[in-house]
Protein backbone atom coordinates (compact mmCIF):
# COMPACT_ATOMS: atom_id res chain seq x y z
CA MET A 1 -9.45 -32.26 2.94
CA LEU A 2 -9.30 -29.01 0.74
CA ALA A 3 -11.88 -27.55 3.18
CA ILE A 4 -9.72 -28.62 6.16
CA GLN A 5 -6.69 -26.98 4.68
CA MET A 6 -8.35 -23.67 4.10
CA LYS A 7 -9.34 -23.69 7.48
CA LYS A 8 -6.08 -23.98 8.89
CA ILE A 9 -4.71 -21.38 6.53
CA LYS A 10 -7.75 -18.90 7.87
CA LEU A 11 -6.63 -19.85 11.43
CA TRP A 12 -2.56 -19.32 10.93
CA ALA A 13 -3.69 -15.67 8.96
CA LEU A 14 -4.59 -14.70 12.32
CA ILE A 15 -1.69 -16.38 14.21
CA VAL A 16 0.69 -14.73 11.98
CA LEU A 17 -1.00 -11.34 11.43
CA ALA A 18 -0.79 -11.18 15.10
CA ILE A 19 2.61 -10.90 15.06
CA PRO A 20 3.55 -7.33 16.35
CA LEU A 21 6.40 -5.02 16.09
CA ILE A 22 10.00 -5.98 17.03
CA SER A 23 11.75 -8.67 19.30
CA LEU A 24 15.33 -7.74 18.62
CA SER A 25 17.69 -10.35 18.60
CA ILE A 26 20.26 -9.49 15.87
CA SER A 27 23.54 -11.00 14.88
CA ALA A 28 25.43 -9.06 12.90
CA GLN A 29 28.93 -11.00 12.89
CA ASP A 30 30.76 -10.33 9.17
CA GLY A 31 27.51 -8.97 8.13
CA LYS A 32 26.02 -12.09 7.41
CA LEU A 33 22.39 -13.10 7.85
CA ASP A 34 21.41 -17.31 8.10
CA ILE A 35 18.92 -17.34 4.94
CA PRO A 36 16.54 -20.11 5.41
CA ALA A 37 15.67 -22.11 2.46
CA ILE A 38 12.15 -21.53 1.52
CA GLY A 39 10.93 -24.07 -1.21
CA ASP A 40 8.29 -25.82 -2.83
CA ARG A 41 7.21 -27.71 0.57
CA VAL A 42 6.01 -24.26 1.79
CA SER A 43 4.58 -23.32 -1.47
CA GLY A 44 2.78 -26.60 -1.66
CA VAL A 45 1.06 -25.57 1.45
CA VAL A 46 -0.41 -22.30 0.29
CA SER A 47 0.61 -20.56 -2.94
CA LEU A 48 1.16 -16.94 -3.34
CA GLU A 49 -1.73 -16.67 -5.49
CA GLN A 50 -3.79 -18.08 -1.87
CA GLU A 51 -1.93 -15.61 0.20
CA LYS A 52 -3.19 -12.72 -2.15
CA ALA A 53 -6.76 -14.16 -1.67
CA ILE A 54 -6.89 -14.45 2.19
CA GLY A 55 -5.27 -10.77 2.54
CA SER A 56 -7.80 -9.47 0.37
CA GLN A 57 -10.30 -11.13 2.87
CA PHE A 58 -8.33 -9.47 5.67
CA LEU A 59 -8.30 -6.06 4.14
CA LYS A 60 -11.82 -6.40 4.35
CA GLN A 61 -12.42 -7.11 7.94
CA VAL A 62 -9.68 -4.88 8.98
CA TYR A 63 -11.68 -2.07 7.04
CA ALA A 64 -14.70 -3.04 8.48
CA GLN A 65 -13.76 -3.36 11.78
CA ALA A 66 -10.95 -0.70 12.40
CA PRO A 67 -10.65 2.91 12.44
CA MET A 68 -8.67 3.90 9.43
CA ILE A 69 -7.21 7.16 8.90
CA ASN A 70 -8.42 9.08 5.81
CA ASP A 71 -5.54 11.61 5.13
CA PRO A 72 -4.14 11.18 1.86
CA LEU A 73 -0.61 13.15 2.86
CA ILE A 74 -0.06 10.31 5.35
CA GLN A 75 -1.06 7.57 3.17
CA GLU A 76 1.24 8.75 0.53
CA TYR A 77 4.59 9.49 2.47
CA THR A 78 4.13 6.28 3.99
CA GLU A 79 3.54 4.00 0.98
CA LEU A 80 6.63 5.66 -0.94
CA LEU A 81 8.34 4.95 2.34
CA ILE A 82 7.67 1.34 2.02
CA TYR A 83 8.44 1.34 -1.55
CA ARG A 84 11.57 2.90 -1.26
CA ILE A 85 12.95 0.82 1.72
CA SER A 86 11.56 -2.45 -0.17
CA GLU A 87 13.81 -1.73 -3.03
CA THR A 88 16.85 -3.21 -0.93
CA SER A 89 14.82 -5.97 0.85
CA LEU A 90 14.07 -9.34 -0.69
CA VAL A 91 10.68 -8.98 -1.28
CA LYS A 92 10.12 -10.03 -4.76
CA ASP A 93 6.12 -9.12 -5.24
CA ARG A 94 6.08 -5.31 -4.13
CA ASP A 95 2.38 -4.82 -4.44
CA PHE A 96 1.85 -3.59 -1.49
CA LYS A 97 -1.26 -2.55 0.33
CA LEU A 98 -0.69 -0.10 2.99
CA VAL A 99 -3.55 -0.03 6.00
CA LEU A 100 -3.18 2.96 8.39
CA ILE A 101 -4.93 2.76 11.51
CA ASP A 102 -6.64 5.48 13.44
CA ASP A 103 -4.94 4.41 16.81
CA ARG A 104 -2.55 6.27 18.94
CA SER A 105 -1.23 3.23 20.36
CA LEU A 106 2.47 1.80 19.34
CA ASN A 107 1.98 -1.00 16.77
CA ALA A 108 2.33 -2.43 13.15
CA PHE A 109 1.89 -5.78 11.61
CA ALA A 110 2.63 -7.61 8.04
CA ALA A 111 -0.34 -9.92 6.41
CA PRO A 112 -0.22 -11.98 3.53
CA GLY A 113 -0.53 -10.41 0.07
CA GLY A 114 1.92 -7.79 0.68
CA ILE A 115 -0.07 -6.12 3.19
CA ILE A 116 1.34 -3.61 5.84
CA GLY A 117 -0.74 -2.20 8.73
CA VAL A 118 0.76 0.91 10.62
CA ASN A 119 -0.97 2.47 13.49
CA ALA A 120 -0.64 6.28 13.82
CA GLY A 121 1.04 5.67 17.07
CA LEU A 122 4.12 4.58 15.31
CA PHE A 123 4.45 8.07 14.29
CA ILE A 124 3.95 9.41 17.58
CA HIS A 125 6.51 6.96 19.37
CA ALA A 126 9.23 6.87 16.69
CA ASP A 127 11.17 10.06 17.07
CA ASN A 128 12.79 9.81 13.44
CA GLU A 129 12.54 8.51 10.38
CA GLY A 130 15.35 6.11 10.87
CA GLN A 131 13.62 4.77 14.20
CA PHE A 132 10.30 4.35 12.04
CA ALA A 133 12.07 2.89 9.09
CA SER A 134 13.28 0.42 11.41
CA VAL A 135 9.83 -0.92 12.01
CA ILE A 136 9.14 -1.04 8.12
CA ALA A 137 11.71 -2.90 7.47
CA HIS A 138 11.09 -5.62 9.73
CA GLU A 139 7.70 -6.09 8.56
CA LEU A 140 9.12 -6.54 5.18
CA ALA A 141 11.26 -9.13 6.46
CA HIS A 142 7.98 -10.80 7.35
CA VAL A 143 6.65 -10.79 3.91
CA SER A 144 10.21 -11.45 2.33
CA GLN A 145 10.40 -14.74 4.55
CA ARG A 146 7.10 -15.88 3.87
CA HIS A 147 6.36 -16.50 7.24
CA PHE A 148 2.40 -16.61 6.90
CA ALA A 149 2.79 -19.88 4.93
CA ARG A 150 5.53 -21.26 7.04
CA GLY A 151 3.43 -20.81 9.63
CA ILE A 152 0.76 -22.55 8.10
CA LEU A 153 3.31 -25.50 7.31
CA ARG A 154 4.37 -25.47 10.99
CA GLY A 155 0.59 -26.00 12.27
CA GLN A 156 -0.44 -28.45 10.15
CA ASP A 157 -0.76 -30.73 13.08
CA THR A 158 -2.73 -28.07 15.28
CA ASN A 159 -5.81 -29.11 16.98
CA LEU A 160 -8.48 -26.93 15.26
CA ALA A 161 -10.85 -26.68 17.81
CA SER A 162 -8.44 -25.69 20.21
CA ALA A 163 -6.52 -23.07 18.06
CA LEU A 164 -10.09 -21.50 17.17
CA VAL A 165 -10.36 -20.52 20.77
CA LEU A 166 -6.86 -18.97 20.82
CA ILE A 167 -7.56 -17.27 17.34
CA SER A 168 -10.38 -15.70 18.34
CA SER A 169 -8.70 -14.10 21.62
CA ILE A 170 -5.88 -12.85 19.15
CA ALA A 171 -8.43 -11.41 16.64
CA LEU A 172 -10.37 -9.66 19.69
CA ALA A 173 -6.89 -8.37 20.76
CA ILE A 174 -5.89 -6.66 17.70
CA VAL A 175 -9.38 -5.23 17.20
CA SER A 176 -10.07 -3.82 20.49
CA ASN A 177 -6.42 -3.18 21.42
CA ASN A 178 -6.88 -5.42 24.61
CA PRO A 179 -4.24 -7.46 25.76
CA THR A 180 -6.49 -9.35 28.23
CA ALA A 181 -8.34 -11.00 25.52
CA PHE A 182 -5.39 -12.59 24.08
CA ILE A 183 -4.45 -13.68 27.62
CA ALA A 184 -7.96 -15.70 27.87
CA GLY A 185 -6.83 -18.03 25.12
CA PRO A 186 -5.41 -21.58 26.25
CA ALA A 187 -1.99 -21.11 28.26
CA ALA A 188 -0.10 -24.28 26.74
CA LEU A 189 -1.42 -23.58 23.10
CA ALA A 190 -0.78 -20.08 23.26
CA GLN A 191 2.86 -20.67 24.63
CA GLU A 192 3.63 -22.96 21.54
CA GLN A 193 2.39 -20.66 19.09
CA LEU A 194 4.23 -17.82 20.74
CA ARG A 195 7.52 -19.60 20.91
CA TYR A 196 7.27 -20.62 17.08
CA SER A 197 6.39 -16.42 16.81
CA ARG A 198 9.52 -15.76 18.14
CA VAL A 199 11.21 -17.71 15.79
CA PHE A 200 10.07 -15.68 12.94
CA GLU A 201 10.55 -12.48 15.06
CA ARG A 202 14.20 -13.07 15.54
CA GLU A 203 14.66 -13.89 11.98
CA ALA A 204 12.81 -10.60 10.87
CA ASP A 205 15.32 -8.66 13.11
CA ARG A 206 18.00 -9.63 11.08
CA PHE A 207 16.53 -9.79 8.08
CA GLY A 208 15.19 -6.10 8.76
CA PHE A 209 18.37 -5.05 10.16
CA ASN A 210 20.43 -5.73 7.12
CA ASN A 211 17.81 -4.03 5.06
CA LEU A 212 17.84 -0.92 7.41
CA ILE A 213 21.34 -0.53 6.73
CA ASN A 214 21.04 -1.14 2.89
CA ALA A 215 18.42 1.43 2.66
CA GLY A 216 20.95 3.83 4.02
CA TYR A 217 19.47 4.57 7.39
CA ASP A 218 21.69 4.89 10.68
CA PRO A 219 21.66 1.34 12.40
CA LYS A 220 21.61 2.98 16.04
CA THR A 221 17.83 3.84 15.00
CA MET A 222 16.83 0.49 15.90
CA GLY A 223 18.27 0.33 19.14
CA GLU A 224 16.75 3.74 19.71
CA MET A 225 13.21 2.70 18.59
CA PHE A 226 13.42 -0.52 21.44
CA GLU A 227 14.51 2.34 23.82
CA ASN A 228 11.29 4.18 23.13
CA MET A 229 9.11 0.80 23.69
CA ALA A 230 10.85 0.29 26.87
CA GLN A 231 9.84 3.53 27.91
CA ILE A 232 6.51 3.24 26.50
CA ARG A 233 6.32 -0.52 29.04
CA ARG A 234 7.44 1.40 32.13
CA LEU A 235 4.76 4.21 31.72
CA SER A 236 2.22 1.91 30.89
CA GLY A 237 1.39 0.35 34.77
CA ASP A 238 -0.17 -2.71 34.87
CA ILE A 239 -1.76 -3.35 31.34
CA PRO A 240 0.98 -2.32 28.54
CA PRO A 241 0.09 -2.65 24.98
CA GLU A 242 -0.31 -6.24 23.86
CA PHE A 243 2.85 -6.27 21.39
CA LEU A 244 4.84 -5.48 24.49
CA LEU A 245 3.17 -8.87 26.71
CA THR A 246 4.08 -11.04 23.93
CA HIS A 247 7.18 -9.41 23.43
CA PRO A 248 8.90 -7.83 26.18
CA VAL A 249 11.72 -5.42 25.91
CA THR A 250 14.92 -6.25 27.74
CA SER A 251 17.97 -4.08 28.71
CA SER A 252 20.00 -7.06 27.09
CA ARG A 253 17.84 -6.70 23.72
CA ILE A 254 18.51 -3.01 23.63
CA SER A 255 22.15 -3.54 24.02
CA ASP A 256 22.27 -6.05 21.74
CA ALA A 257 20.71 -3.49 19.21
CA PHE A 258 23.33 -0.74 19.64
CA ASN A 259 26.17 -3.68 19.86
CA ALA A 260 24.98 -4.85 16.46
CA ALA A 261 25.15 -1.36 15.16
CA ASP A 262 28.62 -1.16 16.18
CA GLN A 263 30.11 -3.97 14.91
CA VAL A 264 28.79 -3.52 11.53
CA GLY A 265 31.09 -0.69 11.25
CA VAL A 266 28.78 1.41 8.99
CA ASP A 267 29.59 5.44 9.72
CA GLY A 268 26.57 7.29 10.05
CA GLY A 269 23.72 7.36 7.72
CA LYS A 270 20.06 8.83 7.58
CA THR A 271 18.44 9.55 10.71
CA ASN A 272 15.55 11.78 9.85
CA SER A 273 13.95 13.67 6.76
CA PRO A 274 11.94 16.99 6.53
CA GLU A 275 9.07 14.99 5.23
CA TYR A 276 8.84 12.70 8.25
CA GLN A 277 8.96 15.93 10.35
CA PHE A 278 6.01 17.28 8.79
CA ILE A 279 4.08 13.51 8.66
CA LYS A 280 4.90 13.47 12.62
CA GLY A 281 3.69 16.95 13.60
CA ARG A 282 0.58 16.83 11.29
CA ILE A 283 0.08 13.56 13.55
CA GLU A 284 0.64 14.58 16.71
CA ALA A 285 -1.50 17.94 16.28
CA LYS A 286 -4.44 15.42 15.54
CA TYR A 287 -4.18 13.03 17.98
CA PHE A 288 -3.63 16.22 20.77
CA ASN A 289 -5.77 16.02 24.07
CA ARG A 290 -8.73 17.24 22.94
CA ASN A 291 -9.63 18.67 26.22
CA ALA A 292 -6.79 21.01 25.97
CA ASN A 293 -6.08 23.77 23.99
CA ALA A 294 -3.67 22.46 20.95
CA GLU A 295 -3.28 25.89 19.45
CA ALA A 296 -2.11 27.40 22.59
CA TYR A 297 0.15 24.33 22.91
CA PHE A 298 1.89 24.53 19.87
CA LYS A 299 2.23 28.06 19.97
CA SER A 300 4.11 27.89 23.23
CA GLN A 301 6.14 25.08 21.57
CA ASN A 302 6.88 27.25 18.62
CA ASP A 303 7.71 30.22 20.69
CA ASN A 304 10.13 28.06 22.99
CA LYS A 305 11.88 26.19 20.49
CA SER A 306 11.05 26.62 16.40
CA THR A 307 11.09 23.49 14.76
CA ILE A 308 9.58 22.66 11.23
CA GLN A 309 7.96 19.65 13.40
CA ASN A 310 6.28 22.07 15.73
CA SER A 311 5.52 24.80 13.12
CA ILE A 312 3.20 22.07 11.12
CA SER A 313 1.73 21.21 14.06
CA LEU A 314 0.56 24.48 14.90
CA VAL A 315 -0.49 25.11 11.36
CA THR A 316 -2.72 21.77 11.52
CA ALA A 317 -3.97 23.19 14.79
CA LEU A 318 -4.62 26.90 13.40
CA THR A 319 -6.50 25.13 10.28
CA GLU A 320 -8.81 23.05 12.34
CA ASN A 321 -9.57 26.12 14.34
CA ARG A 322 -10.28 27.85 11.07
CA LYS A 323 -7.79 30.24 11.22
CA PHE A 324 -6.69 30.13 7.96
CA ASP A 325 -4.54 33.37 7.55
CA GLU A 326 -2.36 32.77 10.73
CA ALA A 327 -1.69 28.85 9.49
CA ASN A 328 -0.79 30.36 5.85
CA GLU A 329 1.72 32.69 7.40
CA ILE A 330 3.67 30.07 9.25
CA LEU A 331 3.24 27.84 6.45
CA SER A 332 4.96 30.23 3.97
CA LYS A 333 8.05 30.96 6.20
CA LEU A 334 8.59 26.81 5.85
CA ILE A 335 7.83 27.10 2.09
CA GLU A 336 10.59 29.61 1.85
CA ASN A 337 12.65 27.11 3.59
CA PHE A 338 11.66 24.42 1.54
CA PRO A 339 10.29 25.55 -1.75
CA LYS A 340 10.14 22.55 -3.59
CA ASN A 341 8.53 20.37 -0.84
CA LEU A 342 5.57 18.48 -2.07
CA ILE A 343 3.75 18.20 1.31
CA LEU A 344 3.95 21.82 2.08
CA GLN A 345 2.58 22.91 -1.07
CA THR A 346 -0.18 20.31 -0.60
CA ILE A 347 -1.08 21.61 2.71
CA LYS A 348 -1.18 25.06 1.05
CA ALA A 349 -3.67 23.84 -1.06
CA GLU A 350 -5.61 22.21 1.81
CA ILE A 351 -5.82 25.70 3.67
CA LEU A 352 -7.04 27.16 0.56
CA PHE A 353 -9.71 24.66 0.25
CA GLU A 354 -11.09 25.10 3.47
CA ALA A 355 -10.95 28.74 3.36
CA LYS A 356 -13.10 28.01 -0.08
CA SER A 357 -10.45 30.08 -2.19
CA TYR A 358 -10.85 27.29 -4.63
CA ASP A 359 -9.47 28.96 -7.79
CA GLU A 360 -6.12 29.60 -5.75
CA ALA A 361 -6.22 26.13 -4.61
CA LEU A 362 -6.63 24.79 -7.82
CA ASN A 363 -3.59 26.25 -9.02
CA VAL A 364 -1.67 24.87 -6.07
CA VAL A 365 -2.81 21.41 -6.95
CA ASN A 366 -2.09 21.80 -10.60
CA SER A 367 1.23 22.92 -10.03
CA ILE A 368 1.98 20.01 -8.42
CA LEU A 369 0.53 17.80 -10.83
CA LYS A 370 2.84 19.20 -13.38
CA VAL A 371 5.75 18.29 -11.07
CA ALA A 372 4.19 14.88 -10.12
CA PRO A 373 1.30 13.71 -12.00
CA ASN A 374 -1.33 11.43 -10.62
CA ASN A 375 0.01 12.74 -6.94
CA TYR A 376 -2.37 11.30 -4.79
CA PRO A 377 -3.06 13.84 -2.30
CA ALA A 378 -3.26 16.59 -4.81
CA SER A 379 -5.31 14.53 -7.04
CA VAL A 380 -7.94 14.40 -4.24
CA ILE A 381 -7.76 18.15 -3.42
CA LYS A 382 -8.53 18.71 -7.24
CA GLY A 383 -11.19 16.66 -7.02
CA ARG A 384 -12.94 18.10 -4.08
CA VAL A 385 -12.38 21.53 -5.36
CA LEU A 386 -13.75 20.59 -8.92
CA ALA A 387 -16.80 19.27 -7.26
CA ASN A 388 -17.36 22.50 -5.07
CA LYS A 389 -17.13 24.79 -8.22
CA GLY A 390 -19.92 22.35 -9.73
CA GLU A 391 -17.25 20.69 -12.26
CA PHE A 392 -18.73 17.48 -11.55
CA LEU A 393 -17.74 15.31 -14.78
CA PHE A 394 -14.11 16.45 -14.21
CA ALA A 395 -14.05 15.86 -10.64
CA GLU A 396 -15.26 12.38 -11.03
CA GLN A 397 -12.39 11.53 -13.69
CA VAL A 398 -9.68 13.07 -11.66
CA ILE A 399 -10.98 10.33 -8.75
CA ARG A 400 -11.28 8.01 -11.54
CA ASP A 401 -7.89 8.27 -12.51
CA GLN A 402 -6.83 7.47 -8.97
CA LEU A 403 -8.83 4.18 -8.81
CA ILE A 404 -6.88 2.59 -11.76
CA LYS A 405 -4.30 2.19 -9.26
CA LYS A 406 -5.85 2.50 -5.73
CA ASN A 407 -8.95 0.43 -6.63
CA GLN A 408 -9.19 -1.24 -3.17
CA ASN A 409 -8.97 2.18 -1.45
CA PRO A 410 -12.34 2.73 0.33
CA ASN A 411 -11.90 6.34 0.86
CA LEU A 412 -11.66 7.32 -2.85
CA TRP A 413 -15.19 5.09 -3.49
CA LEU A 414 -16.42 6.54 -0.70
CA LEU A 415 -15.58 10.44 -2.39
CA LEU A 416 -16.37 9.51 -5.67
CA SER A 417 -20.02 8.39 -4.62
CA GLU A 418 -20.58 11.95 -2.86
CA ILE A 419 -19.15 13.54 -6.10
CA GLN A 420 -21.84 11.53 -7.97
CA ARG A 421 -24.55 12.48 -5.65
CA SER A 422 -23.89 16.06 -5.72
CA ALA A 423 -23.97 15.95 -9.70
CA LYS A 424 -27.58 14.04 -9.23
CA ASN A 425 -25.80 11.26 -10.83
CA ILE A 426 -27.91 8.34 -8.75
CA THR A 427 -27.31 5.23 -10.62
CA GLY A 428 -23.31 6.08 -10.41
CA TYR A 429 -23.70 6.95 -6.70
CA HIS A 430 -25.17 3.79 -6.04
CA MET A 431 -22.50 1.64 -7.80
CA SER A 432 -19.72 3.46 -6.17
CA ARG A 433 -21.60 3.11 -2.59
CA GLY A 434 -21.49 -0.93 -3.88
CA GLU A 435 -17.93 -1.08 -4.11
CA TYR A 436 -17.12 0.77 -1.11
CA TYR A 437 -19.55 -1.69 1.28
CA LEU A 438 -17.61 -4.78 -1.00
CA LEU A 439 -14.27 -3.44 0.10
CA LEU A 440 -15.83 -3.20 3.90
CA GLY A 441 -16.61 -6.91 3.54
CA LYS A 442 -20.26 -5.79 3.44
CA ASP A 443 -21.93 -7.89 1.02
CA GLN A 444 -25.70 -7.44 1.78
CA GLU A 445 -25.04 -3.57 1.81
CA ALA A 446 -23.40 -3.70 -1.49
CA MET A 447 -25.88 -6.05 -3.10
CA ASN A 448 -28.46 -3.28 -1.81
CA GLU A 449 -26.62 -0.88 -3.81
CA PHE A 450 -26.27 -2.59 -6.81
CA GLN A 451 -30.04 -3.71 -6.95
CA PHE A 452 -30.91 -0.24 -6.47
CA ALA A 453 -28.49 0.94 -9.21
CA LEU A 454 -29.83 -1.71 -11.48
CA ARG A 455 -33.59 -0.16 -11.18
CA LEU A 456 -32.46 3.19 -12.36
CA VAL A 457 -30.43 2.34 -15.65
CA ARG A 458 -32.44 3.08 -18.76
CA ASN A 459 -31.48 1.45 -21.99
CA ASN A 460 -27.50 1.09 -21.27
CA PHE A 461 -26.50 -2.67 -21.92
CA GLN A 462 -22.81 -2.16 -20.86
CA VAL A 463 -23.88 -0.60 -17.19
CA THR A 464 -26.41 -3.17 -16.84
CA GLU A 465 -23.87 -5.89 -17.58
CA SER A 466 -21.27 -4.61 -15.38
CA ILE A 467 -23.80 -4.51 -12.20
CA MET A 468 -25.16 -7.78 -13.13
CA THR A 469 -21.36 -9.12 -12.91
CA LYS A 470 -20.97 -7.50 -9.26
CA ILE A 471 -24.16 -8.93 -8.28
CA ASN A 472 -23.57 -12.34 -9.31
CA GLU A 473 -20.04 -12.33 -7.91
CA ILE A 474 -21.92 -11.38 -4.73
CA LYS A 475 -24.33 -14.14 -4.63
CA LYS A 476 -21.53 -16.31 -5.74
CA ASN A 477 -19.45 -15.54 -2.32
CA GLN A 478 -22.67 -15.62 -0.40
CA ARG A 479 -22.93 -19.44 -1.75
CA ARG A 480 -19.50 -20.49 -0.77
CA ARG A 481 -20.00 -19.65 2.90
């Protein structure tokens, strides 16, 4: 019985994870929301602890199959934004895990265990922070209302064999960004699950809209985001993004969004921030058509209309072309206008690092860390700088300090392994690689790394015990399958 229940949990994990972005249906009359009762019946089907365990397994699949954005600045900005918006949400457990997917298509998702997924395309298609925040608020509503657990409760009578076909097609659509993979599922079953997921979507719209206002954003930004989505649909031709196939954006939904904003009666609210423009400019430069000249394009943009977003795009393009002096000159003008902005200071440190001006880069990151101790992007640069200066023990300690809170970040484990290899710490190198592979769900590769490390250990009981614990955990997991 338990095995059957767990199979259904895994199936519904994929169904709920396939819920993308927003299908707006907001009712803001009197500013009240219809809050559903979420009681012991839901927790009896799947506990919060089970959700976290399932989320952990899903995270491994995503890390292993989807391309990730390895950019600490983007990671830090997005995490801080999520936490800030969550403060006015109904989410109780705010132990979020952010997944940044290296894909220019517009998408975001919520997964069990507080996992929030964001495509790079969300930055590209959201014109301002308010539009971006409207999507995040929507996804947080999925988490607060426990749509995953309630989906399992609803699906207890689902035919397992039929659901497997549907789930396989949904999973393929998520990983490959191929909407036809979803369409290939059984039509009747797909329609039933889609109908129920839309109930969750409408609920997430209501809670997300309320949260957006409480977080201080202009309520009209949600409708504006819808207009952007409608534009994408018009330009996408015969094969639009998968989320627009399952959640079409109609003119009535767009008007409903703006009408709801008018009914709320909130005067203004935050629309944008310099930080969002810096991050958006950075991403747009990275995703610029590689067959074209990004540097020339952003120079012309900056000449015609010099904005902080265009300036950062140009700085990013110049840095990539190793024109560090030009990049630093433009960046210095921005810093004059925003002298205390940590994103700009971090970009300055990046440029100095790439130019191999290690002492200057170290001075900049140390200044950042005085203001913001344990700042993630600054710490990563500091670790790299120290390693390049040959100060491997200090570099390793900086990265280990980050791993205290970010021990599920595969990029940090990979960086640590590179530092250890440079330091000729081969045992540590293989142990860190083992942790890296574990996070990617590649248990056999992790086992190989830990076993190799074990053969290198001499007269160190503590390290031997630590490695054996990992090996035994992997063997235990393999026996469960």
